């Protein structure tokens, strides 16, 4: 089976982005592009946690609702959430109403604050795990990696929840820590150029 999909413009892309109309702009403009801003990183890791056991289409369709419910994923604000906020979120039909995942985001926001104090930023922590090109698996051939296992282990040690190796690998793909666009995908080179120009956080 081919790993490529041809979009309306005739360009070849990763096969998965042909699965739903909303996937195409996400694939072309976001997925695999390097991210160094802490709030966006926290949003991405939180949404990947919510996606666990569900389809990404479900999460993407509700993303604006998630952003509204979780204060734009400002982890300093989320860290102040109380049990009343948990109940508010459980009653919000616009998001995934899963108590464990909601409570994990609040817990992780507090862990993120501690990480910023220790590491300087979330970005500095995550980009420390960028694998060398020689150690990256063949694009779209894996669901975990040595790095996703290492990040997961370190996050769990620091108290984070819903950050298993598969979730973290999806996060690495989304934030551009690796370029997992398929070979032959028209966006792969764009992502690689963006990664080459990206200033890694110290």
N, C-alpha and C. Protein backbone atom coordinates (compact mmCIF):
# COMPACT_ATOMS: atom_id res chain seq x y z
N UNK A 1 0.85 -1.21 0.00
CA UNK A 1 0.00 0.00 0.00
C UNK A 1 0.88 1.25 0.00
N UNK A 2 0.57 2.19 -0.88
CA UNK A 2 1.38 3.41 -0.93
C UNK A 2 1.21 4.21 0.35
N UNK A 3 2.28 4.91 0.74
CA UNK A 3 2.22 5.73 1.94
C UNK A 3 1.89 7.17 1.61
N UNK A 4 1.55 7.44 0.34
CA UNK A 4 1.29 8.81 -0.09
C UNK A 4 -0.16 9.00 -0.53
N UNK A 5 -0.62 10.24 -0.39
CA UNK A 5 -1.96 10.67 -0.80
C UNK A 5 -1.78 11.89 -1.68
N UNK A 6 -2.51 11.98 -2.76
CA UNK A 6 -2.42 13.15 -3.65
C UNK A 6 -3.58 14.10 -3.36
N UNK A 7 -3.22 15.30 -2.94
CA UNK A 7 -4.22 16.28 -2.56
C UNK A 7 -4.89 16.92 -3.76
N UNK A 8 -5.83 17.85 -3.51
CA UNK A 8 -6.54 18.52 -4.60
C UNK A 8 -5.61 19.27 -5.55
N UNK A 9 -4.43 19.66 -5.05
CA UNK A 9 -3.47 20.36 -5.90
C UNK A 9 -2.56 19.40 -6.66
N UNK A 10 -2.78 18.10 -6.48
CA UNK A 10 -1.99 17.10 -7.18
C UNK A 10 -0.69 16.73 -6.49
N UNK A 11 -0.35 17.43 -5.41
CA UNK A 11 0.91 17.14 -4.72
C UNK A 11 0.76 15.92 -3.81
N UNK A 12 1.83 15.15 -3.76
CA UNK A 12 1.83 13.97 -2.89
C UNK A 12 2.05 14.39 -1.43
N UNK A 13 1.34 13.74 -0.55
CA UNK A 13 1.46 14.02 0.88
C UNK A 13 1.38 12.72 1.66
N UNK A 14 1.64 12.81 2.97
CA UNK A 14 1.51 11.64 3.84
C UNK A 14 0.09 11.07 3.71
N UNK A 15 0.00 9.78 3.62
CA UNK A 15 -1.28 9.13 3.36
C UNK A 15 -2.35 9.50 4.40
N UNK A 16 -1.94 9.64 5.67
CA UNK A 16 -2.93 9.86 6.72
C UNK A 16 -3.71 11.15 6.54
N UNK A 17 -3.13 12.15 5.86
CA UNK A 17 -3.82 13.44 5.78
C UNK A 17 -4.97 13.42 4.77
N UNK A 18 -5.14 12.31 4.07
CA UNK A 18 -6.29 12.18 3.19
C UNK A 18 -7.50 11.61 3.89
N UNK A 19 -7.37 11.34 5.19
CA UNK A 19 -8.45 10.69 5.93
C UNK A 19 -9.62 11.58 6.28
N UNK A 20 -9.42 12.89 6.30
CA UNK A 20 -10.50 13.83 6.64
C UNK A 20 -10.12 15.21 6.10
N UNK A 21 -11.10 16.03 5.70
CA UNK A 21 -10.78 17.34 5.11
C UNK A 21 -9.94 18.23 6.03
N UNK A 22 -10.20 18.16 7.34
CA UNK A 22 -9.47 19.05 8.26
C UNK A 22 -8.02 18.63 8.47
N UNK A 23 -7.67 17.40 8.04
CA UNK A 23 -6.30 16.94 8.21
C UNK A 23 -5.33 17.68 7.29
N UNK A 24 -5.78 18.06 6.09
CA UNK A 24 -4.87 18.61 5.09
C UNK A 24 -4.21 19.90 5.57
N UNK A 25 -4.96 20.93 6.02
CA UNK A 25 -4.28 22.14 6.48
C UNK A 25 -3.41 21.90 7.72
N UNK A 26 -3.86 20.99 8.60
CA UNK A 26 -3.05 20.68 9.78
C UNK A 26 -1.73 20.04 9.36
N UNK A 27 -1.81 19.10 8.44
CA UNK A 27 -0.61 18.43 7.92
C UNK A 27 0.34 19.41 7.24
N UNK A 28 -0.21 20.30 6.41
CA UNK A 28 0.62 21.19 5.60
C UNK A 28 1.25 22.32 6.41
N UNK A 29 0.53 22.83 7.40
CA UNK A 29 0.98 24.05 8.08
C UNK A 29 1.52 23.84 9.48
N UNK A 30 1.19 22.71 10.13
CA UNK A 30 1.58 22.53 11.52
C UNK A 30 2.40 21.28 11.79
N UNK A 31 1.92 20.15 11.33
CA UNK A 31 2.49 18.87 11.73
C UNK A 31 3.95 18.75 11.27
N UNK A 32 4.84 18.56 12.22
CA UNK A 32 6.24 18.40 11.88
C UNK A 32 7.03 19.69 11.80
N UNK A 33 6.35 20.84 11.94
CA UNK A 33 7.07 22.11 11.93
C UNK A 33 7.59 22.38 13.35
N UNK A 34 8.83 22.84 13.49
CA UNK A 34 9.43 22.96 14.82
C UNK A 34 8.75 24.02 15.68
N UNK A 35 8.52 23.67 16.93
CA UNK A 35 7.85 24.55 17.89
C UNK A 35 8.79 24.80 19.07
N UNK A 36 8.96 26.06 19.42
CA UNK A 36 9.82 26.41 20.54
C UNK A 36 9.13 27.26 21.59
N UNK A 37 7.82 27.44 21.44
CA UNK A 37 7.06 28.29 22.37
C UNK A 37 6.37 27.41 23.40
N UNK A 38 6.56 27.70 24.67
CA UNK A 38 6.12 26.79 25.73
C UNK A 38 4.62 26.56 25.76
N UNK A 39 3.84 27.60 25.53
CA UNK A 39 2.39 27.41 25.59
C UNK A 39 1.93 26.46 24.48
N UNK A 40 2.50 26.61 23.30
CA UNK A 40 2.12 25.72 22.19
C UNK A 40 2.58 24.29 22.47
N UNK A 41 3.73 24.15 23.07
CA UNK A 41 4.20 22.80 23.42
C UNK A 41 3.28 22.17 24.45
N UNK A 42 2.85 22.97 25.42
CA UNK A 42 1.94 22.42 26.43
C UNK A 42 0.60 22.04 25.81
N UNK A 43 0.13 22.86 24.88
CA UNK A 43 -1.11 22.51 24.19
C UNK A 43 -0.94 21.18 23.44
N UNK A 44 0.15 21.05 22.71
CA UNK A 44 0.35 19.84 21.91
C UNK A 44 0.43 18.59 22.79
N UNK A 45 1.18 18.66 23.87
CA UNK A 45 1.31 17.46 24.70
C UNK A 45 0.00 17.15 25.41
N UNK A 46 -0.77 18.18 25.75
CA UNK A 46 -2.08 17.97 26.39
C UNK A 46 -3.06 17.32 25.42
N UNK A 47 -3.12 17.83 24.19
CA UNK A 47 -4.05 17.28 23.21
C UNK A 47 -3.65 15.86 22.81
N UNK A 48 -2.36 15.57 22.76
CA UNK A 48 -1.95 14.20 22.47
C UNK A 48 -2.39 13.27 23.59
N UNK A 49 -2.36 13.77 24.82
CA UNK A 49 -2.87 12.98 25.94
C UNK A 49 -4.36 12.72 25.83
N UNK A 50 -5.11 13.74 25.43
CA UNK A 50 -6.55 13.56 25.24
C UNK A 50 -6.84 12.59 24.10
N UNK A 51 -5.96 12.57 23.10
CA UNK A 51 -6.18 11.72 21.94
C UNK A 51 -6.02 10.24 22.26
N UNK A 52 -5.31 9.91 23.32
CA UNK A 52 -5.04 8.51 23.67
C UNK A 52 -6.33 7.69 23.65
N UNK A 53 -6.38 6.68 22.78
CA UNK A 53 -7.55 5.82 22.67
C UNK A 53 -8.64 6.35 21.76
N UNK A 54 -8.42 7.54 21.19
CA UNK A 54 -9.42 8.17 20.32
C UNK A 54 -8.77 8.51 18.98
N UNK A 55 -9.56 9.01 18.04
CA UNK A 55 -9.02 9.42 16.75
C UNK A 55 -8.55 10.88 16.84
N UNK A 56 -7.50 11.19 16.09
CA UNK A 56 -7.02 12.57 16.08
C UNK A 56 -8.06 13.51 15.48
N UNK A 57 -8.89 12.99 14.59
CA UNK A 57 -9.94 13.83 13.99
C UNK A 57 -10.86 14.38 15.08
N UNK A 58 -11.18 13.55 16.05
CA UNK A 58 -12.04 13.98 17.17
C UNK A 58 -11.41 15.15 17.90
N UNK A 59 -10.11 15.05 18.17
CA UNK A 59 -9.42 16.10 18.91
C UNK A 59 -9.30 17.36 18.07
N UNK A 60 -8.94 17.22 16.82
CA UNK A 60 -8.76 18.39 15.95
C UNK A 60 -10.07 19.15 15.79
N UNK A 61 -11.18 18.42 15.69
CA UNK A 61 -12.49 19.07 15.54
C UNK A 61 -12.87 19.87 16.78
N UNK A 62 -12.35 19.47 17.94
CA UNK A 62 -12.69 20.12 19.19
C UNK A 62 -11.59 21.05 19.70
N UNK A 63 -10.55 21.27 18.90
CA UNK A 63 -9.39 21.99 19.40
C UNK A 63 -9.72 23.39 19.90
N UNK A 64 -10.54 24.13 19.18
CA UNK A 64 -10.88 25.47 19.64
C UNK A 64 -11.66 25.42 20.96
N UNK A 65 -12.49 24.40 21.11
CA UNK A 65 -13.21 24.25 22.38
C UNK A 65 -12.23 23.95 23.52
N UNK A 66 -11.25 23.11 23.24
CA UNK A 66 -10.22 22.81 24.25
C UNK A 66 -9.48 24.09 24.63
N UNK A 67 -9.13 24.88 23.63
CA UNK A 67 -8.39 26.12 23.90
C UNK A 67 -9.19 27.06 24.79
N UNK A 68 -10.48 27.16 24.51
CA UNK A 68 -11.33 28.03 25.33
C UNK A 68 -11.47 27.47 26.75
N UNK A 69 -11.67 26.18 26.85
CA UNK A 69 -11.88 25.55 28.16
C UNK A 69 -10.64 25.59 29.04
N UNK A 70 -9.46 25.51 28.41
CA UNK A 70 -8.21 25.46 29.15
C UNK A 70 -7.40 26.76 29.02
N UNK A 71 -8.10 27.88 28.87
CA UNK A 71 -7.47 29.21 28.91
C UNK A 71 -6.29 29.32 27.94
N UNK A 72 -6.50 28.83 26.72
CA UNK A 72 -5.44 28.92 25.72
C UNK A 72 -4.22 28.09 26.05
N UNK A 73 -4.39 27.12 26.95
CA UNK A 73 -3.31 26.24 27.40
C UNK A 73 -2.16 27.01 28.06
N UNK A 74 -2.52 28.11 28.73
CA UNK A 74 -1.56 28.83 29.56
C UNK A 74 -1.39 28.01 30.84
N UNK A 75 -0.28 27.29 30.95
CA UNK A 75 -0.16 26.37 32.08
C UNK A 75 -0.06 27.08 33.43
N UNK A 76 0.33 28.36 33.41
CA UNK A 76 0.35 29.10 34.68
C UNK A 76 -1.07 29.35 35.18
N UNK A 77 -2.00 29.55 34.26
CA UNK A 77 -3.41 29.70 34.66
C UNK A 77 -4.01 28.35 35.03
N UNK A 78 -3.73 27.33 34.22
CA UNK A 78 -4.31 26.01 34.47
C UNK A 78 -3.84 25.47 35.82
N UNK A 79 -2.62 25.80 36.21
CA UNK A 79 -2.08 25.31 37.48
C UNK A 79 -2.91 25.79 38.68
N UNK A 80 -3.68 26.85 38.47
CA UNK A 80 -4.52 27.37 39.56
C UNK A 80 -5.93 26.78 39.55
N UNK A 81 -6.21 25.90 38.60
CA UNK A 81 -7.55 25.30 38.53
C UNK A 81 -7.84 24.52 39.81
N UNK A 82 -9.10 24.55 40.21
CA UNK A 82 -9.56 23.86 41.42
C UNK A 82 -10.51 22.72 41.04
N UNK A 83 -11.04 22.07 42.04
CA UNK A 83 -12.00 21.01 41.79
C UNK A 83 -13.25 21.55 41.09
N UNK A 84 -13.59 22.80 41.37
CA UNK A 84 -14.72 23.43 40.66
C UNK A 84 -14.46 23.49 39.16
N UNK A 85 -13.21 23.76 38.79
CA UNK A 85 -12.86 23.79 37.37
C UNK A 85 -12.95 22.40 36.75
N UNK A 86 -12.56 21.40 37.51
CA UNK A 86 -12.69 20.02 37.02
C UNK A 86 -14.15 19.71 36.72
N UNK A 87 -15.04 20.08 37.63
CA UNK A 87 -16.47 19.83 37.42
C UNK A 87 -17.00 20.64 36.24
N UNK A 88 -16.52 21.87 36.10
CA UNK A 88 -16.91 22.71 34.96
C UNK A 88 -16.51 22.03 33.65
N UNK A 89 -15.30 21.52 33.60
CA UNK A 89 -14.80 20.88 32.39
C UNK A 89 -15.53 19.57 32.11
N UNK A 90 -15.87 18.85 33.15
CA UNK A 90 -16.62 17.60 32.96
C UNK A 90 -18.01 17.85 32.41
N UNK A 91 -18.50 19.06 32.60
CA UNK A 91 -19.84 19.41 32.11
C UNK A 91 -19.80 20.09 30.74
N UNK A 92 -18.60 20.25 30.18
CA UNK A 92 -18.43 20.97 28.91
C UNK A 92 -18.55 19.99 27.75
N UNK A 93 -19.64 20.06 26.97
CA UNK A 93 -19.82 19.10 25.86
C UNK A 93 -18.88 19.35 24.69
N UNK A 94 -18.16 20.47 24.70
CA UNK A 94 -17.29 20.79 23.59
C UNK A 94 -15.93 20.11 23.64
N UNK A 95 -15.62 19.45 24.78
CA UNK A 95 -14.33 18.78 24.91
C UNK A 95 -14.55 17.30 25.22
N UNK A 96 -13.45 16.56 25.40
CA UNK A 96 -13.54 15.17 25.83
C UNK A 96 -13.70 15.16 27.34
N UNK A 97 -14.83 14.66 27.80
CA UNK A 97 -15.13 14.73 29.24
C UNK A 97 -14.63 13.46 29.94
N UNK A 98 -13.34 13.41 30.10
CA UNK A 98 -12.69 12.26 30.73
C UNK A 98 -11.97 12.80 31.97
N UNK A 99 -12.44 12.40 33.14
CA UNK A 99 -11.92 12.98 34.38
C UNK A 99 -10.40 12.80 34.49
N UNK A 100 -9.93 11.60 34.21
CA UNK A 100 -8.50 11.34 34.35
C UNK A 100 -7.66 12.24 33.46
N UNK A 101 -8.11 12.45 32.22
CA UNK A 101 -7.34 13.28 31.30
C UNK A 101 -7.42 14.76 31.67
N UNK A 102 -8.58 15.19 32.12
CA UNK A 102 -8.73 16.58 32.57
C UNK A 102 -7.83 16.85 33.77
N UNK A 103 -7.88 15.95 34.74
CA UNK A 103 -7.06 16.12 35.94
C UNK A 103 -5.57 16.03 35.58
N UNK A 104 -5.24 15.23 34.58
CA UNK A 104 -3.84 15.13 34.15
C UNK A 104 -3.33 16.46 33.60
N UNK A 105 -4.15 17.16 32.83
CA UNK A 105 -3.72 18.45 32.28
C UNK A 105 -3.43 19.44 33.41
N UNK A 106 -4.29 19.45 34.42
CA UNK A 106 -4.08 20.36 35.55
C UNK A 106 -2.81 19.96 36.32
N UNK A 107 -2.67 18.68 36.57
CA UNK A 107 -1.46 18.18 37.22
C UNK A 107 -0.22 18.53 36.41
N UNK A 108 -0.30 18.31 35.10
CA UNK A 108 0.86 18.55 34.24
C UNK A 108 1.20 20.04 34.15
N UNK A 109 0.20 20.89 34.28
CA UNK A 109 0.46 22.33 34.28
C UNK A 109 1.34 22.70 35.47
N UNK A 110 1.07 22.10 36.60
CA UNK A 110 1.90 22.36 37.79
C UNK A 110 3.30 21.78 37.61
N UNK A 111 3.37 20.62 36.98
CA UNK A 111 4.67 20.03 36.68
C UNK A 111 5.44 20.89 35.68
N UNK A 112 4.71 21.49 34.72
CA UNK A 112 5.34 22.36 33.73
C UNK A 112 5.94 23.58 34.40
N UNK A 113 5.25 24.14 35.38
CA UNK A 113 5.79 25.28 36.10
C UNK A 113 7.12 24.92 36.78
N UNK A 114 7.14 23.74 37.41
CA UNK A 114 8.37 23.30 38.07
C UNK A 114 9.48 23.07 37.05
N UNK A 115 9.11 22.55 35.88
CA UNK A 115 10.12 22.29 34.85
C UNK A 115 10.72 23.59 34.33
N UNK A 116 9.90 24.61 34.16
CA UNK A 116 10.41 25.91 33.70
C UNK A 116 11.42 26.46 34.70
N UNK A 117 11.14 26.30 35.98
CA UNK A 117 12.08 26.77 37.01
C UNK A 117 13.39 25.99 36.95
N UNK A 118 13.30 24.71 36.66
CA UNK A 118 14.49 23.85 36.65
C UNK A 118 15.27 23.96 35.35
N UNK A 119 14.56 24.03 34.23
CA UNK A 119 15.19 23.93 32.92
C UNK A 119 15.28 25.25 32.15
N UNK A 120 14.52 26.25 32.61
CA UNK A 120 14.46 27.52 31.89
C UNK A 120 13.24 27.64 31.01
N UNK A 121 12.85 26.53 30.39
CA UNK A 121 11.65 26.49 29.56
C UNK A 121 11.30 25.04 29.25
N UNK A 122 10.06 24.82 28.84
CA UNK A 122 9.69 23.49 28.37
C UNK A 122 10.46 23.16 27.10
N UNK A 123 10.61 24.17 26.24
CA UNK A 123 11.30 23.95 24.98
C UNK A 123 12.73 23.47 25.20
N UNK A 124 13.42 24.07 26.16
CA UNK A 124 14.80 23.66 26.43
C UNK A 124 14.85 22.19 26.84
N UNK A 125 13.87 21.76 27.62
CA UNK A 125 13.83 20.35 28.04
C UNK A 125 13.58 19.44 26.84
N UNK A 126 12.52 19.69 26.09
CA UNK A 126 12.15 18.76 25.01
C UNK A 126 13.19 18.71 23.89
N UNK A 127 13.73 19.86 23.51
CA UNK A 127 14.68 19.87 22.40
C UNK A 127 16.01 19.22 22.76
N UNK A 128 16.23 19.02 24.05
CA UNK A 128 17.43 18.30 24.48
C UNK A 128 17.41 16.85 23.99
N UNK A 129 16.22 16.36 23.68
CA UNK A 129 16.06 14.96 23.27
C UNK A 129 16.00 14.79 21.75
N UNK A 130 16.30 15.84 21.01
CA UNK A 130 16.25 15.72 19.55
C UNK A 130 17.24 14.65 19.08
N UNK A 131 16.78 13.64 18.36
CA UNK A 131 17.71 12.60 17.90
C UNK A 131 18.52 13.08 16.70
N UNK A 132 19.68 12.51 16.52
CA UNK A 132 20.45 12.80 15.31
C UNK A 132 19.75 12.13 14.14
N UNK A 133 19.88 12.69 12.94
CA UNK A 133 19.22 12.08 11.77
C UNK A 133 19.54 10.60 11.61
N UNK A 134 20.75 10.22 11.98
CA UNK A 134 21.16 8.82 11.81
C UNK A 134 20.39 7.89 12.74
N UNK A 135 19.86 8.44 13.83
CA UNK A 135 19.15 7.61 14.79
C UNK A 135 17.64 7.67 14.65
N UNK A 136 17.13 8.45 13.68
CA UNK A 136 15.69 8.54 13.46
C UNK A 136 15.20 7.29 12.72
N UNK A 137 14.07 6.74 13.12
CA UNK A 137 13.53 5.61 12.36
C UNK A 137 13.09 6.07 10.98
N UNK A 138 12.95 5.14 10.07
CA UNK A 138 12.41 5.45 8.75
C UNK A 138 11.06 6.14 8.93
N UNK A 139 10.79 7.24 8.19
CA UNK A 139 9.54 7.97 8.40
C UNK A 139 8.30 7.07 8.43
N UNK A 140 7.48 7.31 9.43
CA UNK A 140 6.19 6.64 9.62
C UNK A 140 6.31 5.11 9.70
N UNK A 141 7.43 4.67 10.27
CA UNK A 141 7.63 3.24 10.45
C UNK A 141 7.54 2.82 11.91
N UNK A 142 7.39 3.80 12.81
CA UNK A 142 7.43 3.48 14.25
C UNK A 142 6.35 4.24 15.00
N UNK A 143 6.01 3.75 16.17
CA UNK A 143 5.07 4.46 17.05
C UNK A 143 5.74 4.86 18.36
N UNK A 144 6.98 4.40 18.57
CA UNK A 144 7.79 4.83 19.70
C UNK A 144 9.24 4.91 19.21
N UNK A 145 10.10 5.45 20.05
CA UNK A 145 11.52 5.50 19.74
C UNK A 145 12.29 5.54 21.05
N UNK A 146 13.59 5.40 20.96
CA UNK A 146 14.42 5.50 22.16
C UNK A 146 14.16 6.83 22.86
N UNK A 147 14.05 7.88 22.07
CA UNK A 147 13.85 9.22 22.64
C UNK A 147 12.48 9.36 23.27
N UNK A 148 11.44 8.83 22.63
CA UNK A 148 10.09 8.96 23.22
C UNK A 148 10.01 8.18 24.52
N UNK A 149 10.70 7.05 24.58
CA UNK A 149 10.74 6.27 25.83
C UNK A 149 11.49 7.04 26.91
N UNK A 150 12.60 7.67 26.53
CA UNK A 150 13.40 8.42 27.50
C UNK A 150 12.64 9.65 28.01
N UNK A 151 11.97 10.37 27.10
CA UNK A 151 11.18 11.54 27.52
C UNK A 151 10.05 11.11 28.44
N UNK A 152 9.34 10.06 28.05
CA UNK A 152 8.23 9.56 28.86
C UNK A 152 8.71 9.20 30.27
N UNK A 153 9.81 8.51 30.34
CA UNK A 153 10.35 8.09 31.64
C UNK A 153 10.70 9.30 32.50
N UNK A 154 11.34 10.29 31.88
CA UNK A 154 11.75 11.48 32.62
C UNK A 154 10.54 12.30 33.07
N UNK A 155 9.54 12.45 32.19
CA UNK A 155 8.33 13.19 32.57
C UNK A 155 7.61 12.51 33.72
N UNK A 156 7.48 11.19 33.63
CA UNK A 156 6.80 10.47 34.71
C UNK A 156 7.54 10.62 36.02
N UNK A 157 8.86 10.62 35.95
CA UNK A 157 9.66 10.80 37.16
C UNK A 157 9.40 12.17 37.78
N UNK A 158 9.07 13.14 36.90
CA UNK A 158 8.79 14.49 37.38
C UNK A 158 7.31 14.71 37.71
N UNK A 159 6.52 13.63 37.63
CA UNK A 159 5.12 13.71 38.06
C UNK A 159 4.09 13.88 36.98
N UNK A 160 4.49 13.95 35.70
CA UNK A 160 3.53 14.13 34.61
C UNK A 160 2.69 12.87 34.43
N UNK A 161 1.49 13.05 33.89
CA UNK A 161 0.58 11.93 33.64
C UNK A 161 0.10 11.93 32.18
N UNK A 162 -0.34 10.76 31.72
CA UNK A 162 -0.79 10.56 30.33
C UNK A 162 0.32 10.96 29.35
N UNK A 163 1.52 10.48 29.65
CA UNK A 163 2.68 10.79 28.81
C UNK A 163 3.46 9.51 28.51
N UNK A 164 2.74 8.47 28.06
CA UNK A 164 3.39 7.22 27.68
C UNK A 164 4.24 7.39 26.43
N UNK A 165 5.09 6.43 26.12
CA UNK A 165 6.00 6.55 24.98
C UNK A 165 5.30 6.76 23.63
N UNK A 166 4.14 6.14 23.42
CA UNK A 166 3.42 6.32 22.16
C UNK A 166 2.85 7.73 22.05
N UNK A 167 2.28 8.22 23.14
CA UNK A 167 1.78 9.61 23.19
C UNK A 167 2.91 10.59 22.94
N UNK A 168 4.06 10.33 23.57
CA UNK A 168 5.19 11.24 23.40
C UNK A 168 5.76 11.17 21.99
N UNK A 169 5.73 10.01 21.37
CA UNK A 169 6.22 9.93 19.98
C UNK A 169 5.33 10.77 19.07
N UNK A 170 4.01 10.69 19.28
CA UNK A 170 3.08 11.51 18.49
C UNK A 170 3.34 13.00 18.73
N UNK A 171 3.64 13.34 19.96
CA UNK A 171 3.99 14.72 20.31
C UNK A 171 5.28 15.14 19.59
N UNK A 172 6.29 14.27 19.57
CA UNK A 172 7.53 14.56 18.87
C UNK A 172 7.30 14.80 17.38
N UNK A 173 6.42 13.99 16.78
CA UNK A 173 6.08 14.17 15.37
C UNK A 173 5.42 15.53 15.16
N UNK A 174 4.45 15.85 16.03
CA UNK A 174 3.66 17.08 15.85
C UNK A 174 4.49 18.33 16.06
N UNK A 175 5.41 18.33 17.04
CA UNK A 175 6.17 19.53 17.38
C UNK A 175 7.44 19.69 16.56
N UNK A 176 7.72 18.73 15.67
CA UNK A 176 8.87 18.85 14.80
C UNK A 176 10.18 18.43 15.42
N UNK A 177 10.14 17.72 16.55
CA UNK A 177 11.37 17.21 17.14
C UNK A 177 12.00 16.18 16.21
N UNK A 178 11.15 15.54 15.42
CA UNK A 178 11.59 14.72 14.30
C UNK A 178 10.78 15.13 13.08
N UNK A 179 11.32 14.87 11.91
CA UNK A 179 10.57 15.10 10.67
C UNK A 179 10.06 13.75 10.21
N UNK A 180 8.80 13.46 10.52
CA UNK A 180 8.25 12.14 10.19
C UNK A 180 7.34 12.18 8.97
N UNK A 181 7.41 13.25 8.20
CA UNK A 181 6.70 13.26 6.93
C UNK A 181 7.28 12.17 6.04
N UNK A 182 6.41 11.48 5.33
CA UNK A 182 6.84 10.38 4.48
C UNK A 182 7.80 10.86 3.39
N UNK A 183 8.69 9.99 2.99
CA UNK A 183 9.55 10.31 1.85
C UNK A 183 8.66 10.45 0.62
N UNK A 184 8.83 11.52 -0.12
CA UNK A 184 7.98 11.81 -1.26
C UNK A 184 6.86 12.77 -0.95
N UNK A 185 6.61 13.02 0.35
CA UNK A 185 5.59 14.01 0.74
C UNK A 185 6.10 15.40 0.39
N UNK A 186 5.24 16.21 -0.22
CA UNK A 186 5.64 17.55 -0.65
C UNK A 186 6.01 18.45 0.53
N UNK A 187 5.52 18.13 1.72
CA UNK A 187 5.77 18.98 2.89
C UNK A 187 7.05 18.56 3.62
N UNK A 188 7.56 17.37 3.33
CA UNK A 188 8.76 16.91 4.05
C UNK A 188 9.92 17.90 3.91
N UNK A 189 10.17 18.37 2.69
CA UNK A 189 11.27 19.31 2.49
C UNK A 189 10.99 20.65 3.17
N UNK A 190 9.73 21.09 3.17
CA UNK A 190 9.38 22.33 3.86
C UNK A 190 9.67 22.20 5.35
N UNK A 191 9.28 21.07 5.92
CA UNK A 191 9.53 20.84 7.35
C UNK A 191 11.02 20.79 7.63
N UNK A 192 11.78 20.19 6.73
CA UNK A 192 13.22 20.10 6.93
C UNK A 192 13.87 21.47 6.86
N UNK A 193 13.40 22.30 5.95
CA UNK A 193 13.93 23.68 5.87
C UNK A 193 13.59 24.45 7.14
N UNK A 194 12.37 24.28 7.65
CA UNK A 194 11.97 24.96 8.87
C UNK A 194 12.81 24.49 10.05
N UNK A 195 13.09 23.19 10.09
CA UNK A 195 13.91 22.65 11.17
C UNK A 195 15.35 23.17 11.07
N UNK A 196 15.85 23.32 9.84
CA UNK A 196 17.22 23.81 9.65
C UNK A 196 17.34 25.28 10.10
N UNK A 197 16.27 26.04 9.89
CA UNK A 197 16.30 27.46 10.26
C UNK A 197 15.95 27.71 11.73
N UNK A 198 15.42 26.69 12.37
CA UNK A 198 14.93 26.83 13.75
C UNK A 198 16.09 26.96 14.73
N UNK A 199 16.01 27.94 15.60
CA UNK A 199 17.03 28.11 16.63
C UNK A 199 16.66 27.26 17.85
N UNK A 200 17.45 26.24 18.10
CA UNK A 200 17.18 25.37 19.24
C UNK A 200 17.36 26.15 20.54
N UNK A 201 16.42 25.99 21.49
CA UNK A 201 16.56 26.70 22.76
C UNK A 201 17.73 26.19 23.56
N UNK A 202 18.40 27.10 24.24
CA UNK A 202 19.57 26.71 25.04
C UNK A 202 19.10 26.12 26.37
